[in-house]
Amino acid sequence: MSTDKKTPETERTPHEQTLRRPVQIAGVTIQPRDASEDAALPPVAPVPTPVPVEGQRCGLVAIVGKPNVGKSTLLNALVGQKISITSRKAQTTRHRITGIRTQGAAQYVFVDTPGFQTIHGTALNKSLNKTVVGAVSDVDLVLFVVEAGSFTTADAKVLALLKPGIPVLLVANKLDNVHRRGDIAPWLQSMQERHAFTEFVPMSAKQPKDIERLLGICEKYLPEQPWWHAEDELTDRSEKFLASEMVREKLFRLTGDELPYTSTVVIDKFEEEAGRTAKRMLRIAATIVVEREGHKAMVIGDKGEKLKRIGTETRVELEKLLDAKVFIELWVKVRSGWADDEARVRSFGYE
């Protein structure tokens, strides 16, 4: 039996260290560089780090609240561009949507969250709640959105998720729906007793002056640090994701309350081509997933008219949003019980 031992690299002579063994690959021999060749290589340039600009502020601002209090409408107004879908149907938002607004020396990174689910215990709703909890755990500021003059059990459950130490603004949204403004003062007093809110902001997300006032308030809570995104960025979500969300918005808006909220959209194809008359052209194929055959017929409509309208309205809005010529094909498939199947929920892109 051989007693030869491998000599450690540090104990070899300089000549032995220089002569490295060639790497053998089937049919190919690659001779590695020797030490003299390595020394002749130019030094690797260090990765540049962001250079702080005096006065710049940047931070995360979470938008939280129960379903259907106007969180997505508020996000779109704060960003100045539609990036989160809206509809009258509760539980429209299902993902953590990031919206970016750069104004003056401040860059706001807003995080819109799904409404916290308190009724259904499906795998889908558990996923949505996990997204909410994750979003409020590491932010610089929380916007707790409620309907002005109202506070329900569902609001209380969301409020209970907020961690101490993070400043929270009470955003009393839909103020334009309150007929007697004198009722707001005692309501605000009762809200202060529920939580140590940093500030109260009665407002309407539909009023530009209210949005500018809210931005000014939020700026004070942003840390002084370099911006994280380019000045013209609006979201960190992909165009493919925005396309699926736009289809889902039109689906909910055109089917009303008849179609269960568990319906979803999967993008099968998202391809960009050089356009002849436009700067860019997108070809999109998407599948609308429903849970029952009756829902499928509802989405398709008489002679396919409903599905055609969903596709047309999606195309028109995507062309404005993405500045491209868009061709879109829609299909409808039945997947019974998908919302209560954890594996399928994940496969459809939910966290």
Protein backbone atom coordinates (compact mmCIF):
# COMPACT_ATOMS: atom_id res chain seq x y z
CA MET A 1 0.00 0.00 0.00
CA SER A 2 1.38 3.37 -0.96
CA THR A 3 2.35 5.72 1.87
CA ASP A 4 2.71 8.81 -0.35
CA LYS A 5 0.97 11.86 1.07
CA LYS A 6 -0.15 14.92 -0.87
CA THR A 7 2.17 17.84 -0.20
CA PRO A 8 0.28 20.94 1.01
CA GLU A 9 0.35 23.88 -1.43
CA THR A 10 2.21 26.06 1.10
CA GLU A 11 5.02 23.47 1.50
CA ARG A 12 5.78 23.14 -2.23
CA THR A 13 8.71 24.88 -3.88
CA PRO A 14 7.97 28.00 -5.92
CA HIS A 15 8.57 25.98 -9.09
CA GLU A 16 6.14 23.26 -7.98
CA GLN A 17 3.49 25.83 -7.08
CA THR A 18 3.81 27.43 -10.53
CA LEU A 19 3.39 24.21 -12.53
CA ARG A 20 -0.30 23.50 -12.08
CA ARG A 21 -1.90 20.30 -13.34
CA PRO A 22 -3.99 20.71 -16.50
CA VAL A 23 -7.74 20.23 -16.20
CA GLN A 24 -8.91 17.12 -18.07
CA ILE A 25 -12.31 17.19 -19.80
CA ALA A 26 -13.38 14.42 -22.17
CA GLY A 27 -11.70 15.22 -25.49
CA VAL A 28 -10.32 18.58 -24.30
CA THR A 29 -7.27 19.67 -22.31
CA ILE A 30 -7.30 23.13 -20.70
CA GLN A 31 -3.99 24.41 -19.41
CA PRO A 32 -4.58 26.90 -16.57
CA ARG A 33 -2.67 30.18 -16.40
CA ASP A 34 0.53 30.17 -14.37
CA ALA A 35 1.35 32.70 -11.64
CA SER A 36 3.16 35.08 -14.01
CA GLU A 37 0.10 35.26 -16.28
CA ASP A 38 -2.16 35.99 -13.31
CA ALA A 39 0.12 38.82 -12.20
CA ALA A 40 -0.06 40.37 -15.68
CA LEU A 41 -3.86 40.62 -15.61
CA PRO A 42 -5.32 44.09 -14.95
CA PRO A 43 -6.82 44.56 -11.47
CA VAL A 44 -10.57 43.96 -11.12
CA ALA A 45 -12.43 47.23 -10.76
CA PRO A 46 -14.37 47.48 -7.50
CA VAL A 47 -18.18 47.59 -7.67
CA PRO A 48 -19.24 51.23 -7.30
CA THR A 49 -21.35 52.07 -4.26
CA PRO A 50 -24.11 54.70 -4.27
CA VAL A 51 -22.74 58.15 -3.56
CA PRO A 52 -24.91 59.88 -0.95
CA VAL A 53 -26.40 63.16 -2.13
CA GLU A 54 -26.87 65.72 0.58
CA GLY A 55 -30.51 66.07 1.51
CA GLN A 56 -31.76 62.94 -0.26
CA ARG A 57 -34.34 60.88 1.59
CA CYS A 58 -35.63 57.39 0.80
CA GLY A 59 -37.71 54.87 2.70
CA LEU A 60 -40.40 52.19 2.74
CA VAL A 61 -44.00 53.17 3.43
CA ALA A 62 -46.53 50.34 3.91
CA ILE A 63 -50.20 50.91 3.05
CA VAL A 64 -52.37 48.57 5.14
CA GLY A 65 -56.04 48.16 5.95
CA LYS A 66 -59.00 45.84 5.67
CA PRO A 67 -60.32 44.90 2.20
CA ASN A 68 -61.93 47.57 0.06
CA VAL A 69 -60.95 50.73 1.98
CA GLY A 70 -59.23 52.28 -1.04
CA LYS A 71 -55.60 51.22 -0.55
CA SER A 72 -54.91 50.60 -4.25
CA THR A 73 -56.60 53.84 -5.29
CA LEU A 74 -54.44 55.64 -2.73
CA LEU A 75 -51.25 53.97 -4.02
CA ASN A 76 -52.01 54.95 -7.62
CA ALA A 77 -52.67 58.53 -6.55
CA LEU A 78 -49.46 58.72 -4.50
CA VAL A 79 -47.37 57.35 -7.37
CA GLY A 80 -49.15 59.47 -9.96
CA GLN A 81 -49.67 56.48 -12.27
CA LYS A 82 -51.91 53.43 -12.22
CA ILE A 83 -49.83 50.43 -11.13
CA SER A 84 -52.27 48.67 -8.78
CA ILE A 85 -55.63 47.42 -9.99
CA THR A 86 -58.88 48.59 -8.45
CA SER A 87 -62.49 47.43 -8.44
CA ARG A 88 -65.51 47.55 -6.17
CA LYS A 89 -65.00 43.86 -5.42
CA ALA A 90 -63.28 43.30 -2.08
CA GLN A 91 -59.97 41.41 -2.04
CA THR A 92 -58.92 42.66 -5.49
CA THR A 93 -55.27 43.20 -4.51
CA ARG A 94 -53.49 39.89 -3.90
CA HIS A 95 -49.81 40.74 -4.08
CA ARG A 96 -47.36 43.10 -2.49
CA ILE A 97 -47.26 45.94 -5.02
CA THR A 98 -44.42 48.46 -4.81
CA GLY A 99 -45.00 51.95 -6.15
CA ILE A 100 -42.19 54.52 -6.40
CA ARG A 101 -42.60 58.29 -6.31
CA THR A 102 -39.57 60.57 -6.60
CA GLN A 103 -40.31 64.20 -5.85
CA GLY A 104 -37.80 66.86 -4.94
CA ALA A 105 -35.11 65.28 -2.76
CA ALA A 106 -37.42 62.48 -1.53
CA GLN A 107 -38.02 59.03 -2.95
CA TYR A 108 -41.05 57.26 -1.50
CA VAL A 109 -41.23 53.47 -1.90
CA PHE A 110 -44.87 52.64 -1.19
CA VAL A 111 -45.97 49.07 -0.54
CA ASP A 112 -49.64 48.27 -1.21
CA THR A 113 -50.81 45.10 0.52
CA PRO A 114 -53.82 42.81 0.19
CA GLY A 115 -56.65 43.50 2.62
CA PHE A 116 -56.21 41.31 5.71
CA GLN A 117 -58.57 38.34 5.45
CA THR A 118 -60.66 37.52 8.54
CA ILE A 119 -63.42 35.29 7.15
CA HIS A 120 -62.15 32.60 4.78
CA GLY A 121 -59.36 30.23 5.81
CA THR A 122 -58.36 29.01 2.34
CA ALA A 123 -54.77 28.52 1.24
CA LEU A 124 -55.15 31.64 -0.92
CA ASN A 125 -56.25 33.81 2.00
CA LYS A 126 -53.49 32.44 4.22
CA SER A 127 -51.03 33.47 1.50
CA LEU A 128 -52.55 36.96 1.33
CA ASN A 129 -52.32 37.41 5.10
CA LYS A 130 -48.70 36.26 5.08
CA THR A 131 -47.99 39.00 2.54
CA VAL A 132 -49.60 41.63 4.79
CA VAL A 133 -47.66 40.55 7.89
CA GLY A 134 -44.38 40.51 5.94
CA ALA A 135 -44.98 43.98 4.53
CA VAL A 136 -45.42 45.70 7.89
CA SER A 137 -42.43 44.07 9.58
CA ASP A 138 -39.59 46.16 8.13
CA VAL A 139 -40.75 49.61 7.00
CA ASP A 140 -40.06 53.20 7.98
CA LEU A 141 -43.70 54.27 8.11
CA VAL A 142 -47.16 52.68 8.05
CA LEU A 143 -50.26 54.25 6.52
CA PHE A 144 -53.20 52.61 8.31
CA VAL A 145 -56.15 53.24 6.00
CA VAL A 146 -59.73 53.23 7.31
CA GLU A 147 -62.96 54.76 6.08
CA ALA A 148 -63.40 58.13 7.77
CA GLY A 149 -65.80 57.85 10.71
CA SER A 150 -65.77 54.04 10.75
CA PHE A 151 -63.89 51.37 12.71
CA THR A 152 -64.90 47.70 12.46
CA THR A 153 -63.69 44.40 13.85
CA ALA A 154 -61.84 43.84 10.56
CA ASP A 155 -60.04 47.19 11.04
CA ALA A 156 -59.10 46.17 14.59
CA LYS A 157 -57.53 42.91 13.40
CA VAL A 158 -55.29 44.79 10.97
CA LEU A 159 -54.35 47.33 13.63
CA ALA A 160 -53.29 44.49 15.93
CA LEU A 161 -50.66 43.43 13.35
CA LEU A 162 -48.72 46.68 13.62
CA LYS A 163 -45.50 46.44 15.57
CA PRO A 164 -44.46 48.98 18.19
CA GLY A 165 -41.64 51.33 17.30
CA ILE A 166 -42.79 52.02 13.74
CA PRO A 167 -44.62 55.35 13.26
CA VAL A 168 -48.21 54.94 12.04
CA LEU A 169 -50.33 57.57 10.30
CA LEU A 170 -54.09 57.16 10.57
CA VAL A 171 -55.33 57.84 7.03
CA ALA A 172 -59.06 58.50 7.30
CA ASN A 173 -59.92 57.91 3.65
CA LYS A 174 -63.16 58.61 1.76
CA LEU A 175 -63.71 61.82 3.72
CA ASP A 176 -65.89 63.03 0.84
CA ASN A 177 -68.47 60.40 1.86
CA VAL A 178 -68.89 61.93 5.35
CA HIS A 179 -71.91 64.24 5.36
CA ARG A 180 -71.44 65.75 8.83
CA ARG A 181 -67.81 66.80 9.24
CA GLY A 182 -68.49 67.66 12.89
CA ASP A 183 -68.68 63.93 13.64
CA ILE A 184 -65.03 63.40 12.65
CA ALA A 185 -63.48 65.15 15.69
CA PRO A 186 -64.97 62.79 18.35
CA TRP A 187 -64.22 59.82 16.10
CA LEU A 188 -60.56 60.86 15.82
CA GLN A 189 -60.43 61.13 19.62
CA SER A 190 -61.73 57.58 19.96
CA MET A 191 -59.13 56.37 17.43
CA GLN A 192 -56.31 57.94 19.46
CA GLU A 193 -57.42 55.81 22.39
CA ARG A 194 -57.11 52.66 20.26
CA HIS A 195 -53.52 53.26 19.12
CA ALA A 196 -50.75 55.82 19.57
CA PHE A 197 -50.99 57.15 16.02
CA THR A 198 -48.24 59.58 15.12
CA GLU A 199 -50.56 61.80 13.08
CA PHE A 200 -54.13 61.88 11.75
CA VAL A 201 -54.74 62.54 8.05
CA PRO A 202 -58.43 62.91 7.12
CA MET A 203 -58.52 62.93 3.32
CA SER A 204 -59.86 61.63 0.03
CA ALA A 205 -57.54 59.74 -2.32
CA LYS A 206 -59.42 61.37 -5.21
CA GLN A 207 -58.35 64.89 -4.20
CA PRO A 208 -54.90 65.95 -5.57
CA LYS A 209 -54.45 68.51 -2.77
CA ASP A 210 -54.95 65.80 -0.15
CA ILE A 211 -52.39 63.58 -1.89
CA GLU A 212 -49.79 66.38 -1.93
CA ARG A 213 -50.45 67.05 1.76
CA LEU A 214 -49.99 63.35 2.60
CA LEU A 215 -46.71 63.21 0.63
CA GLY A 216 -45.43 66.19 2.62
CA ILE A 217 -46.27 64.48 5.89
CA CYS A 218 -44.67 61.18 4.83
CA GLU A 219 -41.41 62.88 3.78
CA LYS A 220 -40.56 63.72 7.39
CA TYR A 221 -40.36 60.01 8.23
CA LEU A 222 -38.05 58.97 5.38
CA PRO A 223 -34.43 58.35 6.47
CA GLU A 224 -31.70 60.50 4.95
CA GLN A 225 -30.03 58.12 2.52
CA PRO A 226 -29.43 57.71 -1.25
CA TRP A 227 -32.37 56.78 -3.45
CA TRP A 228 -32.82 53.07 -4.15
CA HIS A 229 -34.31 53.45 -7.62
CA ALA A 230 -33.86 55.55 -10.73
CA GLU A 231 -35.74 58.83 -10.72
CA ASP A 232 -38.17 57.72 -13.46
CA GLU A 233 -39.03 54.28 -12.04
CA LEU A 234 -42.64 53.74 -10.96
CA THR A 235 -42.67 50.14 -9.72
CA ASP A 236 -40.40 47.14 -9.21
CA ARG A 237 -43.01 44.83 -10.74
CA SER A 238 -42.48 43.42 -14.24
CA GLU A 239 -44.61 44.28 -17.26
CA LYS A 240 -45.72 40.66 -17.36
CA PHE A 241 -47.07 40.98 -13.82
CA LEU A 242 -48.83 44.24 -14.66
CA ALA A 243 -50.46 42.55 -17.65
CA SER A 244 -51.89 39.73 -15.51
CA GLU A 245 -53.20 42.25 -12.97
CA MET A 246 -54.86 44.34 -15.69
CA VAL A 247 -56.69 41.30 -17.07
CA ARG A 248 -57.86 40.44 -13.55
CA GLU A 249 -59.11 43.97 -12.97
CA LYS A 250 -61.23 43.95 -16.14
CA LEU A 251 -62.47 40.47 -15.25
CA PHE A 252 -63.76 41.64 -11.87
CA ARG A 253 -65.16 44.91 -13.15
CA LEU A 254 -67.11 43.34 -16.02
CA THR A 255 -68.49 40.35 -14.10
CA GLY A 256 -69.52 42.24 -10.95
CA ASP A 257 -70.28 40.32 -7.78
CA GLU A 258 -71.44 37.23 -9.67
CA LEU A 259 -67.93 35.86 -10.17
CA PRO A 260 -66.18 34.63 -6.99
CA TYR A 261 -63.03 36.54 -6.02
CA THR A 262 -61.04 33.27 -6.23
CA SER A 263 -60.75 33.60 -10.02
CA THR A 264 -57.20 34.38 -11.14
CA VAL A 265 -55.09 35.03 -14.25
CA VAL A 266 -51.95 33.26 -15.49
CA ILE A 267 -49.76 34.72 -18.26
CA ASP A 268 -48.81 31.95 -20.73
CA LYS A 269 -46.88 34.11 -23.21
CA PHE A 270 -45.35 37.56 -23.03
CA GLU A 271 -43.18 38.32 -26.04
CA GLU A 272 -41.83 41.58 -27.42
CA GLU A 273 -41.31 42.15 -31.12
CA ALA A 274 -40.09 45.04 -33.22
CA GLY A 275 -43.13 46.99 -34.32
CA ARG A 276 -43.68 48.32 -37.84
CA THR A 277 -45.70 51.38 -36.88
CA ALA A 278 -44.98 51.48 -33.13
CA LYS A 279 -41.73 51.58 -31.17
CA ARG A 280 -42.48 48.18 -29.66
CA MET A 281 -45.08 45.46 -29.96
CA LEU A 282 -46.16 42.94 -27.32
CA ARG A 283 -47.89 39.60 -27.87
CA ILE A 284 -49.61 38.31 -24.75
CA ALA A 285 -51.53 35.09 -24.12
CA ALA A 286 -53.30 34.70 -20.76
CA THR A 287 -55.52 32.11 -19.08
CA ILE A 288 -58.36 33.09 -16.76
CA VAL A 289 -58.71 30.37 -14.12
CA VAL A 290 -62.13 29.80 -12.54
CA GLU A 291 -63.44 27.12 -10.19
CA ARG A 292 -66.66 25.99 -11.92
CA GLU A 293 -68.03 25.43 -15.42
CA GLY A 294 -70.79 27.94 -14.67
CA HIS A 295 -68.15 30.57 -13.94
CA LYS A 296 -66.45 29.79 -17.25
CA ALA A 297 -69.68 30.44 -19.16
CA MET A 298 -70.13 33.68 -17.21
CA VAL A 299 -66.67 34.94 -18.20
CA ILE A 300 -67.04 33.98 -21.87
CA GLY A 301 -70.52 35.47 -22.14
CA ASP A 302 -73.03 35.19 -24.98
CA LYS A 303 -71.14 34.30 -28.17
CA GLY A 304 -67.88 35.22 -26.44
CA GLU A 305 -68.81 38.90 -26.08
CA LYS A 306 -67.80 39.21 -22.40
CA LEU A 307 -64.38 37.65 -22.94
CA LYS A 308 -63.83 39.83 -26.01
CA ARG A 309 -64.65 42.96 -24.02
CA ILE A 310 -62.28 41.93 -21.21
CA GLY A 311 -59.52 41.54 -23.80
CA THR A 312 -60.28 44.83 -25.56
CA GLU A 313 -60.33 46.92 -22.37
CA THR A 314 -57.15 45.23 -21.14
CA ARG A 315 -55.39 45.93 -24.46
CA VAL A 316 -56.36 49.61 -24.48
CA GLU A 317 -55.12 50.18 -20.93
CA LEU A 318 -51.90 48.20 -21.40
CA GLU A 319 -51.04 50.18 -24.53
CA LYS A 320 -51.23 53.39 -22.49
CA LEU A 321 -49.36 51.94 -19.52
CA LEU A 322 -46.56 50.19 -21.44
CA ASP A 323 -46.34 52.56 -24.43
CA ALA A 324 -46.55 49.68 -26.91
CA LYS A 325 -48.83 48.09 -29.47
CA VAL A 326 -50.45 45.12 -27.72
CA PHE A 327 -52.02 41.94 -29.10
CA ILE A 328 -53.69 39.80 -26.44
CA GLU A 329 -55.38 36.37 -26.50
CA LEU A 330 -57.50 35.17 -23.57
CA TRP A 331 -58.56 31.65 -22.62
CA VAL A 332 -60.70 30.36 -19.77
CA LYS A 333 -59.99 27.13 -17.85
CA VAL A 334 -61.67 25.43 -14.89
CA ARG A 335 -59.49 24.37 -11.94
CA SER A 336 -61.81 23.27 -9.16
CA GLY A 337 -60.65 23.98 -5.62
CA TRP A 338 -57.41 25.72 -6.63
CA ALA A 339 -57.76 28.44 -3.97
CA ASP A 340 -57.57 25.81 -1.20
CA ASP A 341 -54.64 23.91 -2.73
CA GLU A 342 -51.35 25.29 -1.35
CA ALA A 343 -49.23 23.86 -4.17
CA ARG A 344 -51.49 25.29 -6.87
CA VAL A 345 -51.72 28.64 -5.09
CA ARG A 346 -47.90 28.85 -5.20
CA SER A 347 -47.81 27.71 -8.84
CA PHE A 348 -50.10 30.62 -9.73
CA GLY A 349 -47.55 33.07 -8.33
CA TYR A 350 -48.78 33.69 -4.78
CA GLU A 351 -46.23 33.77 -1.97
